[in-house]
Amino acid sequence: MTDRLELLDYVVFFETEPEWTHAEGWYYGARFATLRGDDRVVATVAPDDMEFAVEWWQGDLLRLRFSSVMAHTWHIESAGGREVLRVAFNDERIKFCELQLRPHVRVEWSMTWG
């Protein structure tokens, strides 16, 4: 688990260079587009603005799209051949969001009644 992710951590996780979405630098917004067979995942991370967004496409079919705010903790967890970007939020009702790209694409979003 990583304490504070740097740009290189995201580049390694997404296996691609980002497109910067903010003039002040990547920490205010970086968009990564990753291909895995028919799957295309486009993720925007903005740790300083506390924003996280994901689109998951299979071919021309949109499978998932979400945009979230108040993301305050970003970790990459690796175990048993799988790697997960885990995001926690500044809202006690949202437990976490996980984005996995390897060995296959998986998204998990967990909330509680708080």
N, C-alpha and C. Protein backbone atom coordinates (compact mmCIF):
# COMPACT_ATOMS: atom_id res chain seq x y z
N MET A 1 0.85 -1.17 0.00
CA MET A 1 0.00 0.00 0.00
C MET A 1 0.89 1.24 0.00
N THR A 2 0.52 2.25 -0.75
CA THR A 2 1.31 3.46 -0.89
C THR A 2 0.65 4.58 -0.09
N ASP A 3 1.47 5.40 0.62
CA ASP A 3 0.91 6.48 1.43
C ASP A 3 0.36 7.62 0.58
N ARG A 4 1.17 8.16 -0.30
CA ARG A 4 0.73 9.24 -1.17
C ARG A 4 1.19 8.91 -2.58
N LEU A 5 0.26 8.81 -3.47
CA LEU A 5 0.59 8.43 -4.83
C LEU A 5 1.14 9.61 -5.61
N GLU A 6 2.15 9.33 -6.40
CA GLU A 6 2.74 10.31 -7.30
C GLU A 6 2.29 9.97 -8.72
N LEU A 7 2.58 10.86 -9.65
CA LEU A 7 2.17 10.65 -11.04
C LEU A 7 2.69 9.32 -11.58
N LEU A 8 3.91 8.97 -11.28
CA LEU A 8 4.48 7.72 -11.76
C LEU A 8 3.69 6.50 -11.27
N ASP A 9 3.16 6.56 -10.06
CA ASP A 9 2.34 5.45 -9.54
C ASP A 9 1.11 5.24 -10.43
N TYR A 10 0.47 6.32 -10.83
CA TYR A 10 -0.69 6.22 -11.71
C TYR A 10 -0.29 5.75 -13.11
N VAL A 11 0.82 6.24 -13.63
CA VAL A 11 1.31 5.82 -14.95
C VAL A 11 1.55 4.32 -14.96
N VAL A 12 2.16 3.79 -13.91
CA VAL A 12 2.42 2.35 -13.82
C VAL A 12 1.11 1.58 -13.69
N PHE A 13 0.20 2.06 -12.86
CA PHE A 13 -1.08 1.37 -12.67
C PHE A 13 -1.89 1.32 -13.97
N PHE A 14 -2.04 2.47 -14.64
CA PHE A 14 -2.85 2.54 -15.85
C PHE A 14 -2.07 2.12 -17.10
N GLU A 15 -0.75 1.99 -17.00
CA GLU A 15 0.14 1.60 -18.10
C GLU A 15 -0.01 2.53 -19.30
N THR A 16 -0.13 3.81 -19.03
CA THR A 16 -0.25 4.81 -20.09
C THR A 16 0.09 6.19 -19.54
N GLU A 17 0.47 7.09 -20.42
CA GLU A 17 0.73 8.47 -20.04
C GLU A 17 -0.61 9.21 -19.95
N PRO A 18 -0.73 10.15 -19.03
CA PRO A 18 -2.00 10.86 -18.88
C PRO A 18 -2.12 12.08 -19.79
N GLU A 19 -3.35 12.50 -19.92
CA GLU A 19 -3.66 13.80 -20.50
C GLU A 19 -3.97 14.70 -19.31
N TRP A 20 -3.28 15.83 -19.21
CA TRP A 20 -3.55 16.75 -18.12
C TRP A 20 -4.84 17.48 -18.42
N THR A 21 -5.70 17.61 -17.42
CA THR A 21 -6.99 18.27 -17.61
C THR A 21 -7.07 19.62 -16.91
N HIS A 22 -5.96 20.02 -16.29
CA HIS A 22 -5.95 21.30 -15.56
C HIS A 22 -4.62 22.01 -15.82
N ALA A 23 -4.68 23.29 -16.02
CA ALA A 23 -3.47 24.07 -16.33
C ALA A 23 -2.46 24.09 -15.19
N GLU A 24 -2.91 23.89 -13.97
CA GLU A 24 -2.01 23.94 -12.80
C GLU A 24 -1.22 22.65 -12.59
N GLY A 25 -1.50 21.61 -13.37
CA GLY A 25 -0.73 20.38 -13.24
C GLY A 25 -1.60 19.16 -13.01
N TRP A 26 -0.97 18.00 -13.06
CA TRP A 26 -1.66 16.72 -13.00
C TRP A 26 -2.41 16.52 -11.70
N TYR A 27 -1.92 17.05 -10.60
CA TYR A 27 -2.54 16.80 -9.31
C TYR A 27 -3.95 17.40 -9.23
N TYR A 28 -4.25 18.33 -10.13
CA TYR A 28 -5.59 18.91 -10.22
C TYR A 28 -6.44 18.21 -11.28
N GLY A 29 -5.86 17.28 -12.00
CA GLY A 29 -6.61 16.53 -12.98
C GLY A 29 -5.74 15.88 -14.03
N ALA A 30 -5.78 14.56 -14.07
CA ALA A 30 -5.07 13.78 -15.09
C ALA A 30 -6.00 12.67 -15.56
N ARG A 31 -6.12 12.54 -16.88
CA ARG A 31 -7.01 11.53 -17.46
C ARG A 31 -6.16 10.43 -18.09
N PHE A 32 -6.48 9.19 -17.73
CA PHE A 32 -5.78 8.02 -18.24
C PHE A 32 -6.76 7.16 -19.03
N ALA A 33 -6.34 6.72 -20.21
CA ALA A 33 -7.16 5.82 -21.04
C ALA A 33 -6.39 4.52 -21.23
N THR A 34 -6.96 3.42 -20.73
CA THR A 34 -6.30 2.12 -20.74
C THR A 34 -7.12 1.13 -21.56
N LEU A 35 -6.44 0.35 -22.40
CA LEU A 35 -7.10 -0.70 -23.18
C LEU A 35 -6.73 -2.06 -22.64
N ARG A 36 -7.74 -2.94 -22.51
CA ARG A 36 -7.57 -4.34 -22.11
C ARG A 36 -8.47 -5.17 -23.00
N GLY A 37 -7.96 -5.62 -24.13
CA GLY A 37 -8.81 -6.35 -25.09
C GLY A 37 -9.91 -5.44 -25.59
N ASP A 38 -11.18 -5.87 -25.42
CA ASP A 38 -12.33 -5.06 -25.82
C ASP A 38 -12.67 -3.98 -24.80
N ASP A 39 -12.07 -4.05 -23.63
CA ASP A 39 -12.35 -3.09 -22.56
C ASP A 39 -11.49 -1.84 -22.71
N ARG A 40 -12.12 -0.71 -22.55
CA ARG A 40 -11.40 0.58 -22.49
C ARG A 40 -11.87 1.29 -21.23
N VAL A 41 -10.92 1.64 -20.38
CA VAL A 41 -11.22 2.35 -19.15
C VAL A 41 -10.60 3.73 -19.23
N VAL A 42 -11.42 4.74 -19.01
CA VAL A 42 -10.97 6.13 -18.98
C VAL A 42 -11.21 6.63 -17.57
N ALA A 43 -10.13 6.94 -16.87
CA ALA A 43 -10.23 7.39 -15.49
C ALA A 43 -9.59 8.76 -15.34
N THR A 44 -10.26 9.62 -14.59
CA THR A 44 -9.72 10.93 -14.28
C THR A 44 -9.49 11.00 -12.78
N VAL A 45 -8.25 11.29 -12.42
CA VAL A 45 -7.89 11.46 -11.01
C VAL A 45 -7.51 12.92 -10.79
N ALA A 46 -8.01 13.48 -9.72
CA ALA A 46 -7.70 14.86 -9.35
C ALA A 46 -7.58 14.92 -7.83
N PRO A 47 -6.47 14.42 -7.30
CA PRO A 47 -6.33 14.35 -5.84
C PRO A 47 -6.50 15.71 -5.14
N ASP A 48 -5.98 16.78 -5.70
CA ASP A 48 -6.08 18.06 -5.02
C ASP A 48 -7.50 18.61 -5.06
N ASP A 49 -8.25 18.31 -6.10
CA ASP A 49 -9.64 18.73 -6.18
C ASP A 49 -10.58 17.69 -5.59
N MET A 50 -10.02 16.57 -5.12
CA MET A 50 -10.77 15.49 -4.48
C MET A 50 -11.83 14.90 -5.41
N GLU A 51 -11.47 14.72 -6.69
CA GLU A 51 -12.41 14.19 -7.67
C GLU A 51 -11.86 12.91 -8.30
N PHE A 52 -12.77 11.99 -8.62
CA PHE A 52 -12.42 10.72 -9.25
C PHE A 52 -13.57 10.34 -10.18
N ALA A 53 -13.25 10.03 -11.43
CA ALA A 53 -14.28 9.66 -12.41
C ALA A 53 -13.78 8.49 -13.25
N VAL A 54 -14.72 7.62 -13.65
CA VAL A 54 -14.37 6.44 -14.43
C VAL A 54 -15.45 6.20 -15.49
N GLU A 55 -15.00 5.84 -16.70
CA GLU A 55 -15.86 5.29 -17.74
C GLU A 55 -15.28 3.94 -18.14
N TRP A 56 -16.13 2.94 -18.26
CA TRP A 56 -15.70 1.60 -18.68
C TRP A 56 -16.52 1.24 -19.92
N TRP A 57 -15.83 1.07 -21.02
CA TRP A 57 -16.43 0.73 -22.30
C TRP A 57 -16.03 -0.68 -22.71
N GLN A 58 -16.95 -1.42 -23.31
CA GLN A 58 -16.66 -2.68 -23.98
C GLN A 58 -17.07 -2.48 -25.42
N GLY A 59 -16.05 -2.30 -26.26
CA GLY A 59 -16.33 -1.93 -27.64
C GLY A 59 -17.00 -0.56 -27.65
N ASP A 60 -18.16 -0.46 -28.29
CA ASP A 60 -18.91 0.80 -28.34
C ASP A 60 -19.97 0.89 -27.25
N LEU A 61 -20.00 -0.08 -26.36
CA LEU A 61 -21.02 -0.14 -25.32
C LEU A 61 -20.48 0.39 -23.99
N LEU A 62 -21.12 1.43 -23.49
CA LEU A 62 -20.74 1.97 -22.19
C LEU A 62 -21.29 1.07 -21.10
N ARG A 63 -20.40 0.51 -20.27
CA ARG A 63 -20.80 -0.39 -19.19
C ARG A 63 -20.98 0.35 -17.86
N LEU A 64 -20.16 1.38 -17.64
CA LEU A 64 -20.19 2.07 -16.36
C LEU A 64 -19.67 3.48 -16.53
N ARG A 65 -20.31 4.42 -15.86
CA ARG A 65 -19.79 5.79 -15.82
C ARG A 65 -20.16 6.36 -14.45
N PHE A 66 -19.18 6.91 -13.76
CA PHE A 66 -19.47 7.62 -12.54
C PHE A 66 -18.47 8.74 -12.36
N SER A 67 -18.89 9.72 -11.61
CA SER A 67 -18.05 10.86 -11.26
C SER A 67 -18.29 11.15 -9.79
N SER A 68 -17.23 11.21 -9.02
CA SER A 68 -17.38 11.38 -7.58
C SER A 68 -16.52 12.53 -7.08
N VAL A 69 -16.91 13.04 -5.93
CA VAL A 69 -16.19 14.13 -5.28
C VAL A 69 -15.89 13.73 -3.84
N MET A 70 -15.10 14.53 -3.17
CA MET A 70 -14.69 14.30 -1.79
C MET A 70 -13.82 13.05 -1.63
N ALA A 71 -13.04 12.73 -2.67
CA ALA A 71 -12.09 11.62 -2.60
C ALA A 71 -10.84 12.11 -1.89
N HIS A 72 -10.54 11.54 -0.74
CA HIS A 72 -9.42 12.07 0.04
C HIS A 72 -8.25 11.11 0.21
N THR A 73 -8.45 9.83 -0.04
CA THR A 73 -7.36 8.86 0.13
C THR A 73 -7.27 8.00 -1.12
N TRP A 74 -6.06 7.88 -1.65
CA TRP A 74 -5.80 7.12 -2.87
C TRP A 74 -4.69 6.12 -2.57
N HIS A 75 -4.96 4.82 -2.79
CA HIS A 75 -3.96 3.77 -2.55
C HIS A 75 -3.96 2.80 -3.73
N ILE A 76 -2.81 2.24 -4.01
CA ILE A 76 -2.72 1.13 -4.95
C ILE A 76 -2.31 -0.08 -4.14
N GLU A 77 -3.12 -1.13 -4.24
CA GLU A 77 -2.87 -2.37 -3.50
C GLU A 77 -2.56 -3.47 -4.50
N SER A 78 -1.49 -4.22 -4.25
CA SER A 78 -1.10 -5.33 -5.12
C SER A 78 -1.04 -6.60 -4.31
N ALA A 79 -1.66 -7.65 -4.83
CA ALA A 79 -1.60 -8.96 -4.16
C ALA A 79 -2.08 -10.03 -5.13
N GLY A 80 -1.36 -11.14 -5.18
CA GLY A 80 -1.79 -12.29 -5.96
C GLY A 80 -2.04 -12.02 -7.43
N GLY A 81 -1.22 -11.19 -8.06
CA GLY A 81 -1.36 -10.93 -9.47
C GLY A 81 -2.45 -9.94 -9.84
N ARG A 82 -3.06 -9.33 -8.84
CA ARG A 82 -4.06 -8.30 -9.13
C ARG A 82 -3.63 -7.00 -8.49
N GLU A 83 -4.01 -5.92 -9.13
CA GLU A 83 -3.65 -4.59 -8.66
C GLU A 83 -4.91 -3.74 -8.65
N VAL A 84 -5.13 -3.02 -7.55
CA VAL A 84 -6.36 -2.28 -7.35
C VAL A 84 -6.04 -0.86 -6.94
N LEU A 85 -6.71 0.11 -7.57
CA LEU A 85 -6.69 1.49 -7.11
C LEU A 85 -7.88 1.63 -6.17
N ARG A 86 -7.60 1.92 -4.90
CA ARG A 86 -8.65 2.03 -3.88
C ARG A 86 -8.75 3.49 -3.46
N VAL A 87 -9.95 4.03 -3.56
CA VAL A 87 -10.19 5.43 -3.22
C VAL A 87 -11.18 5.48 -2.07
N ALA A 88 -10.85 6.28 -1.05
CA ALA A 88 -11.75 6.50 0.08
C ALA A 88 -12.24 7.94 0.03
N PHE A 89 -13.39 8.17 0.64
CA PHE A 89 -14.06 9.46 0.51
C PHE A 89 -14.30 10.12 1.86
N ASN A 90 -14.45 11.43 1.81
CA ASN A 90 -14.70 12.24 3.00
C ASN A 90 -16.21 12.28 3.26
N ASP A 91 -16.82 11.12 3.25
CA ASP A 91 -18.25 10.96 3.50
C ASP A 91 -18.39 9.62 4.21
N GLU A 92 -18.87 9.63 5.43
CA GLU A 92 -18.91 8.40 6.21
C GLU A 92 -19.81 7.33 5.62
N ARG A 93 -20.70 7.69 4.70
CA ARG A 93 -21.58 6.70 4.06
C ARG A 93 -20.87 5.92 2.97
N ILE A 94 -19.85 6.51 2.34
CA ILE A 94 -19.13 5.82 1.28
C ILE A 94 -17.92 5.13 1.89
N LYS A 95 -17.89 3.81 1.82
CA LYS A 95 -16.78 3.07 2.39
C LYS A 95 -15.55 3.14 1.50
N PHE A 96 -15.72 2.85 0.19
CA PHE A 96 -14.60 2.88 -0.75
C PHE A 96 -15.09 2.66 -2.17
N CYS A 97 -14.18 2.92 -3.10
CA CYS A 97 -14.35 2.54 -4.50
C CYS A 97 -13.05 1.87 -4.93
N GLU A 98 -13.17 0.74 -5.61
CA GLU A 98 -11.99 0.04 -6.13
C GLU A 98 -12.09 -0.07 -7.64
N LEU A 99 -10.97 0.21 -8.28
CA LEU A 99 -10.85 0.01 -9.73
C LEU A 99 -9.71 -0.96 -9.96
N GLN A 100 -10.03 -2.08 -10.59
CA GLN A 100 -9.02 -3.09 -10.92
C GLN A 100 -8.92 -3.17 -12.43
N LEU A 101 -7.69 -3.21 -12.95
CA LEU A 101 -7.47 -3.35 -14.38
C LEU A 101 -6.83 -4.69 -14.74
N ARG A 102 -6.11 -5.30 -13.80
CA ARG A 102 -5.43 -6.57 -14.04
C ARG A 102 -5.82 -7.57 -12.97
N PRO A 103 -6.07 -8.79 -13.32
CA PRO A 103 -5.98 -9.41 -14.64
C PRO A 103 -7.21 -9.12 -15.52
N HIS A 104 -8.26 -8.52 -14.95
CA HIS A 104 -9.43 -8.12 -15.73
C HIS A 104 -10.00 -6.85 -15.09
N VAL A 105 -10.87 -6.19 -15.82
CA VAL A 105 -11.47 -4.96 -15.32
C VAL A 105 -12.58 -5.30 -14.31
N ARG A 106 -12.54 -4.61 -13.18
CA ARG A 106 -13.56 -4.79 -12.15
C ARG A 106 -13.70 -3.47 -11.40
N VAL A 107 -14.93 -3.11 -11.09
CA VAL A 107 -15.19 -1.91 -10.30
C VAL A 107 -16.07 -2.33 -9.12
N GLU A 108 -15.69 -1.86 -7.94
CA GLU A 108 -16.50 -2.13 -6.75
C GLU A 108 -16.71 -0.81 -6.02
N TRP A 109 -17.97 -0.55 -5.68
CA TRP A 109 -18.35 0.66 -4.96
C TRP A 109 -19.11 0.21 -3.72
N SER A 110 -18.69 0.65 -2.54
CA SER A 110 -19.33 0.19 -1.31
C SER A 110 -19.76 1.36 -0.46
N MET A 111 -21.02 1.30 -0.04
CA MET A 111 -21.58 2.34 0.83
C MET A 111 -22.22 1.68 2.05
N THR A 112 -22.49 2.49 3.04
CA THR A 112 -23.17 2.02 4.25
C THR A 112 -24.21 3.06 4.64
N TRP A 113 -25.09 2.70 5.55
CA TRP A 113 -26.10 3.64 6.04
C TRP A 113 -25.48 4.72 6.87
N GLY A 114 -24.26 4.52 7.36
CA GLY A 114 -23.52 5.53 8.10
C GLY A 114 -24.04 5.65 9.47
